[in-house]
């Protein structure tokens, strides 16, 4: 049986720059306070598995790019890499 080892996020939604999330040893859930990025983490997993952006609480792909705030210019690109063992 395989398992998710970690995620590598680069300017995806609320994750600025390159971020590595994990390792997910004995992983069962994601918890944290409001605004911590829990749903964005799950959106990243869904995105890398091929879920369309309209199903990721976004109306367009550009909404998946990191923005510092509503008035800032979004990043020019974003990526998600899932490491599965």
Protein backbone atom coordinates (compact mmCIF):
# COMPACT_ATOMS: atom_id res chain seq x y z
CA UNK A 1 0.00 0.00 0.00
CA UNK A 2 1.33 3.45 -0.89
CA UNK A 3 1.17 6.67 1.05
CA UNK A 4 1.65 10.39 0.68
CA UNK A 5 5.17 11.36 1.81
CA UNK A 6 5.08 15.14 1.34
CA UNK A 7 3.91 17.99 -0.89
CA UNK A 8 6.08 20.59 -2.59
CA UNK A 9 4.15 23.80 -3.22
CA UNK A 10 5.45 26.76 -5.21
CA UNK A 11 3.29 29.92 -5.11
CA UNK A 12 0.06 27.91 -4.83
CA UNK A 13 -2.81 29.85 -3.26
CA UNK A 14 -1.72 30.99 0.25
CA UNK A 15 1.74 29.39 0.05
CA UNK A 16 4.37 31.97 -0.95
CA UNK A 17 7.52 30.71 -2.66
CA UNK A 18 8.59 27.09 -2.36
CA UNK A 19 7.12 25.29 0.65
CA UNK A 20 7.50 21.63 1.62
CA UNK A 21 4.64 20.23 3.69
CA UNK A 22 5.30 16.94 5.44
CA UNK A 23 6.48 14.31 5.94
CA UNK A 24 3.08 12.79 6.57
CA UNK A 25 3.98 9.96 8.95
CA UNK A 26 0.85 8.34 10.39
CA UNK A 27 -1.19 11.15 8.79
CA UNK A 28 -4.94 11.09 9.45
CA UNK A 29 -6.18 14.70 9.35
CA UNK A 30 -5.31 18.37 8.95
CA UNK A 31 -6.12 20.65 11.89
CA UNK A 32 -5.44 24.29 12.68
CA UNK A 33 -7.04 27.66 13.32
CA UNK A 34 -9.15 29.56 10.79
CA UNK A 35 -6.98 31.06 8.07
CA UNK A 36 -4.12 28.59 8.55
CA UNK A 37 -4.40 27.17 5.01
CA UNK A 38 -6.03 23.81 5.73
CA UNK A 39 -8.40 23.94 2.77
CA UNK A 40 -5.66 25.31 0.50
CA UNK A 41 -3.55 22.28 1.38
CA UNK A 42 -6.41 19.97 0.40
CA UNK A 43 -6.92 22.04 -2.79
CA UNK A 44 -3.24 21.43 -3.61
CA UNK A 45 -3.68 17.66 -3.28
CA UNK A 46 -6.81 17.78 -5.43
CA UNK A 47 -5.12 20.02 -8.02
CA UNK A 48 -2.12 17.72 -8.47
CA UNK A 49 -4.50 14.76 -8.86
CA UNK A 50 -6.28 16.54 -11.73
CA UNK A 51 -9.35 18.18 -10.20
CA UNK A 52 -10.47 21.17 -12.31
CA UNK A 53 -9.98 24.65 -10.86
CA UNK A 54 -13.72 25.34 -10.78
CA UNK A 55 -13.99 22.58 -8.15
CA UNK A 56 -11.20 24.09 -6.01
CA UNK A 57 -13.17 27.09 -4.71
CA UNK A 58 -11.80 29.11 -7.66
CA UNK A 59 -13.50 30.50 -10.73
CA UNK A 60 -10.29 30.57 -12.80
CA UNK A 61 -6.75 29.21 -12.80
CA UNK A 62 -5.26 32.63 -11.93
CA UNK A 63 -6.96 32.40 -8.53
CA UNK A 64 -4.65 29.46 -7.73
CA UNK A 65 -1.58 31.74 -7.93
CA UNK A 66 -0.17 33.21 -4.71
CA UNK A 67 -1.09 36.83 -3.98
CA UNK A 68 0.22 38.74 -0.97
CA UNK A 69 -3.12 40.59 -0.74
CA UNK A 70 -6.08 41.56 -2.92
CA UNK A 71 -4.24 44.58 -4.38
CA UNK A 72 -0.99 42.79 -5.28
CA UNK A 73 -0.01 41.25 -8.58
CA UNK A 74 -0.29 37.45 -8.52
CA UNK A 75 2.78 35.25 -8.97
CA UNK A 76 3.58 34.44 -12.61
CA UNK A 77 3.38 30.66 -12.08
CA UNK A 78 2.51 28.07 -9.47
CA UNK A 79 3.13 24.36 -9.10
CA UNK A 80 2.30 21.45 -6.83
CA UNK A 81 4.32 18.27 -6.61
CA UNK A 82 3.04 15.28 -4.67
CA UNK A 83 5.60 12.75 -3.46
CA UNK A 84 3.95 9.35 -3.14
CA UNK A 85 5.69 6.21 -1.90
